[in-house]
Amino acid sequence: MFGKFLNKKAKIVEETDPDKVFVENIRRYFNISTKEAKKICDIAVEEGIMRRKFAVICKNKDCERIIDVYNSLTEIPQATSCLHCELNEKDKYTFDTKDLEIVEYFQYIDR
């Protein structure tokens, strides 16, 4: 029974990209609330273990790719363009950033 538990935890770690750690990864690993997992991530940033990142997501339904990644919300420009949509000659490829989804994630800092 304990071996099954460890295998489950090992699988979560294997499936987690250290460059893209989401609060949900931490929540699942420790089997805690989202609020508690967010607090762990915030503490990891304060301790210099991880850095906070913000990905801006294209809102075109057939794209939904990451347009760009920023280190803080203040770095995100007011308008941005999706290169993928532009190259595919979509009608709409420039967006007001306030209309786009911004996803917070964390990146492990290799010391």
PDB file of N, CA and C in Angstrom:
ATOM      1  N   MET A   1       0.813  -1.188   0.000  1.00  0.00           N
ATOM      2  CA  MET A   1       0.000   0.000   0.000  1.00  0.00           C
ATOM      3  C   MET A   1       0.865   1.265   0.000  1.00  0.00           C
ATOM      4  N   PHE A   2       1.906   1.300   0.837  1.00  0.00           N
ATOM      5  CA  PHE A   2       2.802   2.455   0.886  1.00  0.00           C
ATOM      6  C   PHE A   2       3.554   2.605  -0.431  1.00  0.00           C
ATOM      7  N   GLY A   3       3.912   1.466  -1.054  1.00  0.00           N
ATOM      8  CA  GLY A   3       4.592   1.503  -2.351  1.00  0.00           C
ATOM      9  C   GLY A   3       3.728   2.144  -3.417  1.00  0.00           C
ATOM     10  N   LYS A   4       2.427   1.870  -3.390  1.00  0.00           N
ATOM     11  CA  LYS A   4       1.486   2.459  -4.352  1.00  0.00           C
ATOM     12  C   LYS A   4       1.429   3.979  -4.159  1.00  0.00           C
ATOM     13  N   PHE A   5       1.417   4.398  -2.899  1.00  0.00           N
ATOM     14  CA  PHE A   5       1.408   5.824  -2.567  1.00  0.00           C
ATOM     15  C   PHE A   5       2.665   6.509  -3.117  1.00  0.00           C
ATOM     16  N   LEU A   6       3.825   5.888  -2.882  1.00  0.00           N
ATOM     17  CA  LEU A   6       5.088   6.459  -3.375  1.00  0.00           C
ATOM     18  C   LEU A   6       5.128   6.491  -4.895  1.00  0.00           C
ATOM     19  N   ASN A   7       4.608   5.456  -5.530  1.00  0.00           N
ATOM     20  CA  ASN A   7       4.570   5.429  -6.999  1.00  0.00           C
ATOM     21  C   ASN A   7       3.712   6.562  -7.544  1.00  0.00           C
ATOM     22  N   LYS A   8       2.598   6.849  -6.878  1.00  0.00           N
ATOM     23  CA  LYS A   8       1.716   7.933  -7.297  1.00  0.00           C
ATOM     24  C   LYS A   8       2.429   9.279  -7.182  1.00  0.00           C
ATOM     25  N   LYS A   9       3.140   9.479  -6.083  1.00  0.00           N
ATOM     26  CA  LYS A   9       3.889  10.725  -5.874  1.00  0.00           C
ATOM     27  C   LYS A   9       5.032  10.839  -6.889  1.00  0.00           C
ATOM     28  N   ALA A  10       5.711   9.750  -7.155  1.00  0.00           N
ATOM     29  CA  ALA A  10       6.799   9.754  -8.139  1.00  0.00           C
ATOM     30  C   ALA A  10       6.275  10.113  -9.526  1.00  0.00           C
ATOM     31  N   LYS A  11       5.095   9.621  -9.870  1.00  0.00           N
ATOM     32  CA  LYS A  11       4.492   9.917 -11.167  1.00  0.00           C
ATOM     33  C   LYS A  11       4.192  11.413 -11.293  1.00  0.00           C
ATOM     34  N   ILE A  12       3.680  12.031 -10.230  1.00  0.00           N
ATOM     35  CA  ILE A  12       3.408  13.470 -10.245  1.00  0.00           C
ATOM     36  C   ILE A  12       4.703  14.240 -10.490  1.00  0.00           C
ATOM     37  N   VAL A  13       5.775  13.856  -9.803  1.00  0.00           N
ATOM     38  CA  VAL A  13       7.068  14.526  -9.975  1.00  0.00           C
ATOM     39  C   VAL A  13       7.591  14.332 -11.404  1.00  0.00           C
ATOM     40  N   GLU A  14       7.501  13.125 -11.929  1.00  0.00           N
ATOM     41  CA  GLU A  14       7.960  12.842 -13.291  1.00  0.00           C
ATOM     42  C   GLU A  14       7.211  13.658 -14.328  1.00  0.00           C
ATOM     43  N   GLU A  15       5.925  13.892 -14.108  1.00  0.00           N
ATOM     44  CA  GLU A  15       5.099  14.608 -15.067  1.00  0.00           C
ATOM     45  C   GLU A  15       5.197  16.125 -14.939  1.00  0.00           C
ATOM     46  N   THR A  16       5.901  16.606 -13.933  1.00  0.00           N
ATOM     47  CA  THR A  16       6.016  18.043 -13.698  1.00  0.00           C
ATOM     48  C   THR A  16       7.304  18.576 -14.305  1.00  0.00           C
ATOM     49  N   ASP A  17       7.151  19.523 -15.222  1.00  0.00           N
ATOM     50  CA  ASP A  17       8.282  20.196 -15.855  1.00  0.00           C
ATOM     51  C   ASP A  17       8.819  21.234 -14.864  1.00  0.00           C
ATOM     52  N   PRO A  18      10.093  21.173 -14.462  1.00  0.00           N
ATOM     53  CA  PRO A  18      10.614  22.131 -13.483  1.00  0.00           C
ATOM     54  C   PRO A  18      10.589  23.575 -13.983  1.00  0.00           C
ATOM     55  N   ASP A  19      10.453  23.757 -15.288  1.00  0.00           N
ATOM     56  CA  ASP A  19      10.347  25.106 -15.843  1.00  0.00           C
ATOM     57  C   ASP A  19       8.902  25.616 -15.852  1.00  0.00           C
ATOM     58  N   LYS A  20       7.945  24.730 -15.583  1.00  0.00           N
ATOM     59  CA  LYS A  20       6.534  25.121 -15.556  1.00  0.00           C
ATOM     60  C   LYS A  20       5.807  24.369 -14.439  1.00  0.00           C
ATOM     61  N   VAL A  21       5.977  24.870 -13.236  1.00  0.00           N
ATOM     62  CA  VAL A  21       5.326  24.275 -12.067  1.00  0.00           C
ATOM     63  C   VAL A  21       4.082  25.110 -11.766  1.00  0.00           C
ATOM     64  N   PHE A  22       2.931  24.477 -11.812  1.00  0.00           N
ATOM     65  CA  PHE A  22       1.673  25.159 -11.538  1.00  0.00           C
ATOM     66  C   PHE A  22       1.239  24.872 -10.106  1.00  0.00           C
ATOM     67  N   VAL A  23       0.445  25.772  -9.545  1.00  0.00           N
ATOM     68  CA  VAL A  23      -0.082  25.584  -8.193  1.00  0.00           C
ATOM     69  C   VAL A  23      -0.758  24.219  -8.095  1.00  0.00           C
ATOM     70  N   GLU A  24      -1.445  23.822  -9.151  1.00  0.00           N
ATOM     71  CA  GLU A  24      -2.140  22.531  -9.162  1.00  0.00           C
ATOM     72  C   GLU A  24      -1.167  21.365  -8.970  1.00  0.00           C
ATOM     73  N   ASN A  25       0.051  21.461  -9.514  1.00  0.00           N
ATOM     74  CA  ASN A  25       1.051  20.409  -9.312  1.00  0.00           C
ATOM     75  C   ASN A  25       1.373  20.248  -7.826  1.00  0.00           C
ATOM     76  N   ILE A  26       1.558  21.374  -7.159  1.00  0.00           N
ATOM     77  CA  ILE A  26       1.876  21.357  -5.728  1.00  0.00           C
ATOM     78  C   ILE A  26       0.675  20.846  -4.933  1.00  0.00           C
ATOM     79  N   ARG A  27      -0.514  21.299  -5.303  1.00  0.00           N
ATOM     80  CA  ARG A  27      -1.732  20.870  -4.614  1.00  0.00           C
ATOM     81  C   ARG A  27      -1.906  19.355  -4.688  1.00  0.00           C
ATOM     82  N   ARG A  28      -1.712  18.803  -5.887  1.00  0.00           N
ATOM     83  CA  ARG A  28      -1.860  17.354  -6.065  1.00  0.00           C
ATOM     84  C   ARG A  28      -0.787  16.586  -5.304  1.00  0.00           C
ATOM     85  N   TYR A  29       0.442  17.055  -5.360  1.00  0.00           N
ATOM     86  CA  TYR A  29       1.541  16.333  -4.722  1.00  0.00           C
ATOM     87  C   TYR A  29       1.328  16.222  -3.210  1.00  0.00           C
ATOM     88  N   PHE A  30       0.982  17.352  -2.586  1.00  0.00           N
ATOM     89  CA  PHE A  30       0.834  17.364  -1.133  1.00  0.00           C
ATOM     90  C   PHE A  30      -0.596  17.073  -0.670  1.00  0.00           C
ATOM     91  N   ASN A  31      -1.522  16.943  -1.624  1.00  0.00           N
ATOM     92  CA  ASN A  31      -2.925  16.696  -1.313  1.00  0.00           C
ATOM     93  C   ASN A  31      -3.459  17.749  -0.328  1.00  0.00           C
ATOM     94  N   ILE A  32      -3.276  19.022  -0.726  1.00  0.00           N
ATOM     95  CA  ILE A  32      -3.687  20.154   0.091  1.00  0.00           C
ATOM     96  C   ILE A  32      -4.607  21.052  -0.727  1.00  0.00           C
ATOM     97  N   SER A  33      -5.116  22.093  -0.101  1.00  0.00           N
ATOM     98  CA  SER A  33      -6.000  23.029  -0.801  1.00  0.00           C
ATOM     99  C   SER A  33      -5.187  23.894  -1.776  1.00  0.00           C
ATOM    100  N   THR A  34      -5.894  24.480  -2.721  1.00  0.00           N
ATOM    101  CA  THR A  34      -5.255  25.389  -3.679  1.00  0.00           C
ATOM    102  C   THR A  34      -4.637  26.574  -2.954  1.00  0.00           C
ATOM    103  N   LYS A  35      -5.331  27.084  -1.952  1.00  0.00           N
ATOM    104  CA  LYS A  35      -4.826  28.222  -1.173  1.00  0.00           C
ATOM    105  C   LYS A  35      -3.497  27.868  -0.487  1.00  0.00           C
ATOM    106  N   GLU A  36      -3.441  26.689   0.104  1.00  0.00           N
ATOM    107  CA  GLU A  36      -2.206  26.254   0.772  1.00  0.00           C
ATOM    108  C   GLU A  36      -1.080  26.039  -0.247  1.00  0.00           C
ATOM    109  N   ALA A  37      -1.405  25.471  -1.390  1.00  0.00           N
ATOM    110  CA  ALA A  37      -0.404  25.231  -2.434  1.00  0.00           C
ATOM    111  C   ALA A  37       0.149  26.557  -2.964  1.00  0.00           C
ATOM    112  N   LYS A  38      -0.730  27.539  -3.124  1.00  0.00           N
ATOM    113  CA  LYS A  38      -0.294  28.874  -3.579  1.00  0.00           C
ATOM    114  C   LYS A  38       0.654  29.480  -2.563  1.00  0.00           C
ATOM    115  N   LYS A  39       0.360  29.303  -1.287  1.00  0.00           N
ATOM    116  CA  LYS A  39       1.220  29.831  -0.230  1.00  0.00           C
ATOM    117  C   LYS A  39       2.606  29.173  -0.280  1.00  0.00           C
ATOM    118  N   ILE A  40       2.650  27.879  -0.521  1.00  0.00           N
ATOM    119  CA  ILE A  40       3.940  27.175  -0.654  1.00  0.00           C
ATOM    120  C   ILE A  40       4.734  27.752  -1.822  1.00  0.00           C
ATOM    121  N   CYS A  41       4.058  27.989  -2.943  1.00  0.00           N
ATOM    122  CA  CYS A  41       4.737  28.566  -4.115  1.00  0.00           C
ATOM    123  C   CYS A  41       5.256  29.970  -3.802  1.00  0.00           C
ATOM    124  N   ASP A  42       4.447  30.770  -3.119  1.00  0.00           N
ATOM    125  CA  ASP A  42       4.871  32.125  -2.740  1.00  0.00           C
ATOM    126  C   ASP A  42       6.101  32.084  -1.832  1.00  0.00           C
ATOM    127  N   ILE A  43       6.114  31.157  -0.888  1.00  0.00           N
ATOM    128  CA  ILE A  43       7.262  31.009   0.011  1.00  0.00           C
ATOM    129  C   ILE A  43       8.498  30.567  -0.786  1.00  0.00           C
ATOM    130  N   ALA A  44       8.317  29.662  -1.741  1.00  0.00           N
ATOM    131  CA  ALA A  44       9.438  29.210  -2.580  1.00  0.00           C
ATOM    132  C   ALA A  44      10.025  30.367  -3.382  1.00  0.00           C
ATOM    133  N   VAL A  45       9.184  31.296  -3.819  1.00  0.00           N
ATOM    134  CA  VAL A  45       9.673  32.491  -4.524  1.00  0.00           C
ATOM    135  C   VAL A  45      10.459  33.372  -3.551  1.00  0.00           C
ATOM    136  N   GLU A  46       9.907  33.603  -2.374  1.00  0.00           N
ATOM    137  CA  GLU A  46      10.584  34.423  -1.358  1.00  0.00           C
ATOM    138  C   GLU A  46      11.934  33.839  -0.967  1.00  0.00           C
ATOM    139  N   GLU A  47      12.016  32.512  -0.926  1.00  0.00           N
ATOM    140  CA  GLU A  47      13.260  31.830  -0.530  1.00  0.00           C
ATOM    141  C   GLU A  47      14.244  31.665  -1.693  1.00  0.00           C
ATOM    142  N   GLY A  48      13.861  32.075  -2.887  1.00  0.00           N
ATOM    143  CA  GLY A  48      14.750  31.973  -4.046  1.00  0.00           C
ATOM    144  C   GLY A  48      14.831  30.574  -4.640  1.00  0.00           C
ATOM    145  N   ILE A  49      13.849  29.742  -4.341  1.00  0.00           N
ATOM    146  CA  ILE A  49      13.820  28.375  -4.872  1.00  0.00           C
ATOM    147  C   ILE A  49      13.144  28.339  -6.238  1.00  0.00           C
ATOM    148  N   MET A  50      12.114  29.195  -6.388  1.00  0.00           N
ATOM    149  CA  MET A  50      11.402  29.287  -7.658  1.00  0.00           C
ATOM    150  C   MET A  50      11.208  30.754  -8.017  1.00  0.00           C
ATOM    151  N   ARG A  51      10.944  31.004  -9.310  1.00  0.00           N
ATOM    152  CA  ARG A  51      10.584  32.350  -9.751  1.00  0.00           C
ATOM    153  C   ARG A  51       9.185  32.306 -10.340  1.00  0.00           C
ATOM    154  N   ARG A  52       8.472  33.397 -10.185  1.00  0.00           N
ATOM    155  CA  ARG A  52       7.107  33.527 -10.683  1.00  0.00           C
ATOM    156  C   ARG A  52       7.156  33.946 -12.158  1.00  0.00           C
ATOM    157  N   LYS A  53       6.297  33.358 -12.985  1.00  0.00           N
ATOM    158  CA  LYS A  53       6.208  33.680 -14.406  1.00  0.00           C
ATOM    159  C   LYS A  53       4.736  33.883 -14.779  1.00  0.00           C
ATOM    160  N   PHE A  54       4.500  34.640 -15.832  1.00  0.00           N
ATOM    161  CA  PHE A  54       3.153  34.898 -16.316  1.00  0.00           C
ATOM    162  C   PHE A  54       3.112  34.666 -17.816  1.00  0.00           C
ATOM    163  N   ALA A  55       2.282  33.732 -18.248  1.00  0.00           N
ATOM    164  CA  ALA A  55       2.126  33.418 -19.666  1.00  0.00           C
ATOM    165  C   ALA A  55       0.848  34.074 -20.178  1.00  0.00           C
ATOM    166  N   VAL A  56       0.962  34.774 -21.307  1.00  0.00           N
ATOM    167  CA  VAL A  56      -0.192  35.399 -21.954  1.00  0.00           C
ATOM    168  C   VAL A  56      -0.659  34.440 -23.048  1.00  0.00           C
ATOM    169  N   ILE A  57      -1.953  34.079 -23.013  1.00  0.00           N
ATOM    170  CA  ILE A  57      -2.516  33.056 -23.893  1.00  0.00           C
ATOM    171  C   ILE A  57      -3.352  33.699 -25.001  1.00  0.00           C
ATOM    172  N   CYS A  58      -3.146  33.253 -26.243  1.00  0.00           N
ATOM    173  CA  CYS A  58      -3.937  33.725 -27.375  1.00  0.00           C
ATOM    174  C   CYS A  58      -5.396  33.322 -27.177  1.00  0.00           C
ATOM    175  N   LYS A  59      -6.311  34.225 -27.530  1.00  0.00           N
ATOM    176  CA  LYS A  59      -7.724  33.915 -27.297  1.00  0.00           C
ATOM    177  C   LYS A  59      -8.436  33.338 -28.515  1.00  0.00           C
ATOM    178  N   ASN A  60      -7.734  33.207 -29.644  1.00  0.00           N
ATOM    179  CA  ASN A  60      -8.360  32.556 -30.795  1.00  0.00           C
ATOM    180  C   ASN A  60      -8.583  31.087 -30.459  1.00  0.00           C
ATOM    181  N   LYS A  61      -9.808  30.617 -30.620  1.00  0.00           N
ATOM    182  CA  LYS A  61     -10.203  29.259 -30.213  1.00  0.00           C
ATOM    183  C   LYS A  61      -9.354  28.171 -30.871  1.00  0.00           C
ATOM    184  N   ASP A  62      -8.945  28.378 -32.103  1.00  0.00           N
ATOM    185  CA  ASP A  62      -8.164  27.346 -32.784  1.00  0.00           C
ATOM    186  C   ASP A  62      -6.660  27.520 -32.570  1.00  0.00           C
ATOM    187  N   CYS A  63      -6.280  28.430 -31.679  1.00  0.00           N
ATOM    188  CA  CYS A  63      -4.852  28.642 -31.384  1.00  0.00           C
ATOM    189  C   CYS A  63      -4.598  28.356 -29.901  1.00  0.00           C
ATOM    190  N   GLU A  64      -4.980  29.298 -29.044  1.00  0.00           N
ATOM    191  CA  GLU A  64      -4.810  29.208 -27.594  1.00  0.00           C
ATOM    192  C   GLU A  64      -3.380  28.862 -27.167  1.00  0.00           C
ATOM    193  N   ARG A  65      -2.416  29.328 -27.947  1.00  0.00           N
ATOM    194  CA  ARG A  65      -1.004  29.127 -27.608  1.00  0.00           C
ATOM    195  C   ARG A  65      -0.520  30.243 -26.679  1.00  0.00           C
ATOM    196  N   ILE A  66       0.632  30.010 -26.080  1.00  0.00           N
ATOM    197  CA  ILE A  66       1.275  31.048 -25.283  1.00  0.00           C
ATOM    198  C   ILE A  66       1.871  32.066 -26.247  1.00  0.00           C
ATOM    199  N   ILE A  67       1.443  33.311 -26.104  1.00  0.00           N
ATOM    200  CA  ILE A  67       1.972  34.390 -26.945  1.00  0.00           C
ATOM    201  C   ILE A  67       3.353  34.792 -26.457  1.00  0.00           C
ATOM    202  N   ASP A  68       3.473  34.982 -25.148  1.00  0.00           N
ATOM    203  CA  ASP A  68       4.754  35.374 -24.560  1.00  0.00           C
ATOM    204  C   ASP A  68       4.707  35.126 -23.061  1.00  0.00           C
ATOM    205  N   VAL A  69       5.872  35.150 -22.438  1.00  0.00           N
ATOM    206  CA  VAL A  69       6.006  34.909 -20.995  1.00  0.00           C
ATOM    207  C   VAL A  69       6.737  36.099 -20.379  1.00  0.00           C
ATOM    208  N   TYR A  70       6.269  36.511 -19.205  1.00  0.00           N
ATOM    209  CA  TYR A  70       6.829  37.668 -18.519  1.00  0.00           C
ATOM    210  C   TYR A  70       7.163  37.316 -17.073  1.00  0.00           C
ATOM    211  N   ASN A  71       8.071  38.100 -16.499  1.00  0.00           N
ATOM    212  CA  ASN A  71       8.487  37.887 -15.109  1.00  0.00           C
ATOM    213  C   ASN A  71       7.580  38.591 -14.109  1.00  0.00           C
ATOM    214  N   SER A  72       6.786  39.549 -14.572  1.00  0.00           N
ATOM    215  CA  SER A  72       5.856  40.242 -13.673  1.00  0.00           C
ATOM    216  C   SER A  72       4.668  40.739 -14.490  1.00  0.00           C
ATOM    217  N   LEU A  73       3.577  41.017 -13.805  1.00  0.00           N
ATOM    218  CA  LEU A  73       2.393  41.542 -14.483  1.00  0.00           C
ATOM    219  C   LEU A  73       2.646  42.926 -15.066  1.00  0.00           C
ATOM    220  N   THR A  74       3.517  43.691 -14.425  1.00  0.00           N
ATOM    221  CA  THR A  74       3.798  45.051 -14.902  1.00  0.00           C
ATOM    222  C   THR A  74       4.585  45.058 -16.213  1.00  0.00           C
ATOM    223  N   GLU A  75       5.265  43.973 -16.536  1.00  0.00           N
ATOM    224  CA  GLU A  75       6.012  43.872 -17.800  1.00  0.00           C
ATOM    225  C   GLU A  75       5.103  43.626 -19.005  1.00  0.00           C
ATOM    226  N   ILE A  76       3.910  43.141 -18.768  1.00  0.00           N
ATOM    227  CA  ILE A  76       3.014  42.764 -19.870  1.00  0.00           C
ATOM    228  C   ILE A  76       2.504  44.029 -20.549  1.00  0.00           C
ATOM    229  N   PRO A  77       2.705  44.128 -21.872  1.00  0.00           N
ATOM    230  CA  PRO A  77       2.250  45.333 -22.586  1.00  0.00           C
ATOM    231  C   PRO A  77       0.723  45.400 -22.664  1.00  0.00           C
ATOM    232  N   GLN A  78       0.199  46.564 -22.976  1.00  0.00           N
ATOM    233  CA  GLN A  78      -1.251  46.745 -23.071  1.00  0.00           C
ATOM    234  C   GLN A  78      -1.837  46.018 -24.276  1.00  0.00           C
ATOM    235  N   ALA A  79      -1.045  45.862 -25.326  1.00  0.00           N
ATOM    236  CA  ALA A  79      -1.492  45.124 -26.518  1.00  0.00           C
ATOM    237  C   ALA A  79      -0.382  44.175 -26.930  1.00  0.00           C
ATOM    238  N   THR A  80      -0.779  43.063 -27.513  1.00  0.00           N
ATOM    239  CA  THR A  80       0.204  42.077 -27.953  1.00  0.00           C
ATOM    240  C   THR A  80      -0.330  41.337 -29.175  1.00  0.00           C
ATOM    241  N   SER A  81       0.583  40.731 -29.917  1.00  0.00           N
ATOM    242  CA  SER A  81       0.200  39.999 -31.125  1.00  0.00           C
ATOM    243  C   SER A  81       0.623  38.544 -31.017  1.00  0.00           C
ATOM    244  N   CYS A  82      -0.191  37.679 -31.600  1.00  0.00           N
ATOM    245  CA  CYS A  82       0.134  36.261 -31.659  1.00  0.00           C
ATOM    246  C   CYS A  82       0.799  35.985 -33.008  1.00  0.00           C
ATOM    247  N   LEU A  83       2.076  35.692 -32.978  1.00  0.00           N
ATOM    248  CA  LEU A  83       2.829  35.441 -34.203  1.00  0.00           C
ATOM    249  C   LEU A  83       2.270  34.247 -34.970  1.00  0.00           C
ATOM    250  N   HIS A  84       1.861  33.224 -34.251  1.00  0.00           N
ATOM    251  CA  HIS A  84       1.300  32.030 -34.899  1.00  0.00           C
ATOM    252  C   HIS A  84       0.056  32.385 -35.708  1.00  0.00           C
ATOM    253  N   CYS A  85      -0.846  33.163 -35.133  1.00  0.00           N
ATOM    254  CA  CYS A  85      -2.073  33.567 -35.837  1.00  0.00           C
ATOM    255  C   CYS A  85      -1.756  34.502 -37.006  1.00  0.00           C
ATOM    256  N   GLU A  86      -0.784  35.373 -36.803  1.00  0.00           N
ATOM    257  CA  GLU A  86      -0.387  36.284 -37.875  1.00  0.00           C
ATOM    258  C   GLU A  86       0.188  35.508 -39.058  1.00  0.00           C
ATOM    259  N   LEU A  87       1.058  34.539 -38.774  1.00  0.00           N
ATOM    260  CA  LEU A  87       1.655  33.724 -39.845  1.00  0.00           C
ATOM    261  C   LEU A  87       0.617  32.868 -40.565  1.00  0.00           C
ATOM    262  N   ASN A  88      -0.440  32.499 -39.838  1.00  0.00           N
ATOM    263  CA  ASN A  88      -1.516  31.715 -40.436  1.00  0.00           C
ATOM    264  C   ASN A  88      -2.617  32.595 -41.029  1.00  0.00           C
ATOM    265  N   GLU A  89      -2.314  33.895 -41.121  1.00  0.00           N
ATOM    266  CA  GLU A  89      -3.191  34.885 -41.757  1.00  0.00           C
ATOM    267  C   GLU A  89      -4.596  34.920 -41.164  1.00  0.00           C
ATOM    268  N   LYS A  90      -4.658  34.814 -39.832  1.00  0.00           N
ATOM    269  CA  LYS A  90      -5.939  34.949 -39.132  1.00  0.00           C
ATOM    270  C   LYS A  90      -6.371  36.420 -39.190  1.00  0.00           C
ATOM    271  N   ASP A  91      -7.671  36.636 -39.194  1.00  0.00           N
ATOM    272  CA  ASP A  91      -8.199  38.004 -39.220  1.00  0.00           C
ATOM    273  C   ASP A  91      -7.786  38.775 -37.975  1.00  0.00           C
ATOM    274  N   LYS A  92      -7.808  38.106 -36.859  1.00  0.00           N
ATOM    275  CA  LYS A  92      -7.495  38.758 -35.586  1.00  0.00           C
ATOM    276  C   LYS A  92      -6.251  38.114 -34.981  1.00  0.00           C
ATOM    277  N   TYR A  93      -5.176  38.888 -34.846  1.00  0.00           N
ATOM    278  CA  TYR A  93      -3.963  38.381 -34.220  1.00  0.00           C
ATOM    279  C   TYR A  93      -3.336  39.375 -33.247  1.00  0.00           C
ATOM    280  N   THR A  94      -3.919  40.584 -33.177  1.00  0.00           N
ATOM    281  CA  THR A  94      -3.480  41.580 -32.204  1.00  0.00           C
ATOM    282  C   THR A  94      -4.606  41.776 -31.199  1.00  0.00           C
ATOM    283  N   PHE A  95      -4.238  41.782 -29.919  1.00  0.00           N
ATOM    284  CA  PHE A  95      -5.244  41.809 -28.852  1.00  0.00           C
ATOM    285  C   PHE A  95      -4.882  42.817 -27.775  1.00  0.00           C
ATOM    286  N   ASP A  96      -5.914  43.354 -27.124  1.00  0.00           N
ATOM    287  CA  ASP A  96      -5.715  44.092 -25.873  1.00  0.00           C
ATOM    288  C   ASP A  96      -5.411  43.035 -24.818  1.00  0.00           C
ATOM    289  N   THR A  97      -4.338  43.208 -24.118  1.00  0.00           N
ATOM    290  CA  THR A  97      -3.922  42.208 -23.137  1.00  0.00           C
ATOM    291  C   THR A  97      -4.973  41.998 -22.054  1.00  0.00           C
ATOM    292  N   LYS A  98      -5.718  43.028 -21.716  1.00  0.00           N
ATOM    293  CA  LYS A  98      -6.764  42.891 -20.680  1.00  0.00           C
ATOM    294  C   LYS A  98      -7.834  41.885 -21.073  1.00  0.00           C
ATOM    295  N   ASP A  99      -7.941  41.581 -22.370  1.00  0.00           N
ATOM    296  CA  ASP A  99      -8.921  40.609 -22.855  1.00  0.00           C
ATOM    297  C   ASP A  99      -8.374  39.185 -22.937  1.00  0.00           C
ATOM    298  N   LEU A 100      -7.105  39.014 -22.597  1.00  0.00           N
ATOM    299  CA  LEU A 100      -6.462  37.708 -22.720  1.00  0.00           C
ATOM    300  C   LEU A 100      -6.324  37.019 -21.364  1.00  0.00           C
ATOM    301  N   GLU A 101      -6.242  35.710 -21.414  1.00  0.00           N
ATOM    302  CA  GLU A 101      -5.992  34.939 -20.201  1.00  0.00           C
ATOM    303  C   GLU A 101      -4.509  35.038 -19.859  1.00  0.00           C
ATOM    304  N   ILE A 102      -4.233  35.276 -18.601  1.00  0.00           N
ATOM    305  CA  ILE A 102      -2.852  35.305 -18.109  1.00  0.00           C
ATOM    306  C   ILE A 102      -2.732  34.203 -17.073  1.00  0.00           C
ATOM    307  N   VAL A 103      -1.802  33.286 -17.311  1.00  0.00           N
ATOM    308  CA  VAL A 103      -1.635  32.115 -16.448  1.00  0.00           C
ATOM    309  C   VAL A 103      -0.348  32.271 -15.639  1.00  0.00           C
ATOM    310  N   GLU A 104      -0.490  32.190 -14.332  1.00  0.00           N
ATOM    311  CA  GLU A 104       0.667  32.253 -13.441  1.00  0.00           C
ATOM    312  C   GLU A 104       1.229  30.845 -13.271  1.00  0.00           C
ATOM    313  N   TYR A 105       2.540  30.739 -13.341  1.00  0.00           N
ATOM    314  CA  TYR A 105       3.196  29.477 -13.026  1.00  0.00           C
ATOM    315  C   TYR A 105       4.543  29.799 -12.391  1.00  0.00           C
ATOM    316  N   PHE A 106       5.259  28.757 -12.003  1.00  0.00           N
ATOM    317  CA  PHE A 106       6.517  28.955 -11.295  1.00  0.00           C
ATOM    318  C   PHE A 106       7.613  28.143 -11.982  1.00  0.00           C
ATOM    319  N   GLN A 107       8.817  28.653 -11.879  1.00  0.00           N
ATOM    320  CA  GLN A 107       9.954  28.008 -12.518  1.00  0.00           C
ATOM    321  C   GLN A 107      11.012  27.719 -11.449  1.00  0.00           C
ATOM    322  N   TYR A 108      11.422  26.480 -11.400  1.00  0.00           N
ATOM    323  CA  TYR A 108      12.445  26.059 -10.437  1.00  0.00           C
ATOM    324  C   TYR A 108      13.759  26.728 -10.797  1.00  0.00           C
ATOM    325  N   ILE A 109      14.465  27.263  -9.806  1.00  0.00           N
ATOM    326  CA  ILE A 109      15.777  27.883 -10.017  1.00  0.00           C
ATOM    327  C   ILE A 109      16.845  26.870  -9.665  1.00  0.00           C
ATOM    328  N   ASP A 110      17.613  26.448 -10.662  1.00  0.00           N
ATOM    329  CA  ASP A 110      18.685  25.485 -10.448  1.00  0.00           C
ATOM    330  C   ASP A 110      19.886  26.224  -9.874  1.00  0.00           C
ATOM    331  N   ARG A 111      20.244  25.846  -8.669  1.00  0.00           N
ATOM    332  CA  ARG A 111      21.342  26.573  -7.985  1.00  0.00           C
ATOM    333  C   ARG A 111      22.670  25.954  -8.281  1.00  0.00           C
TER     334      ARG A 111
END
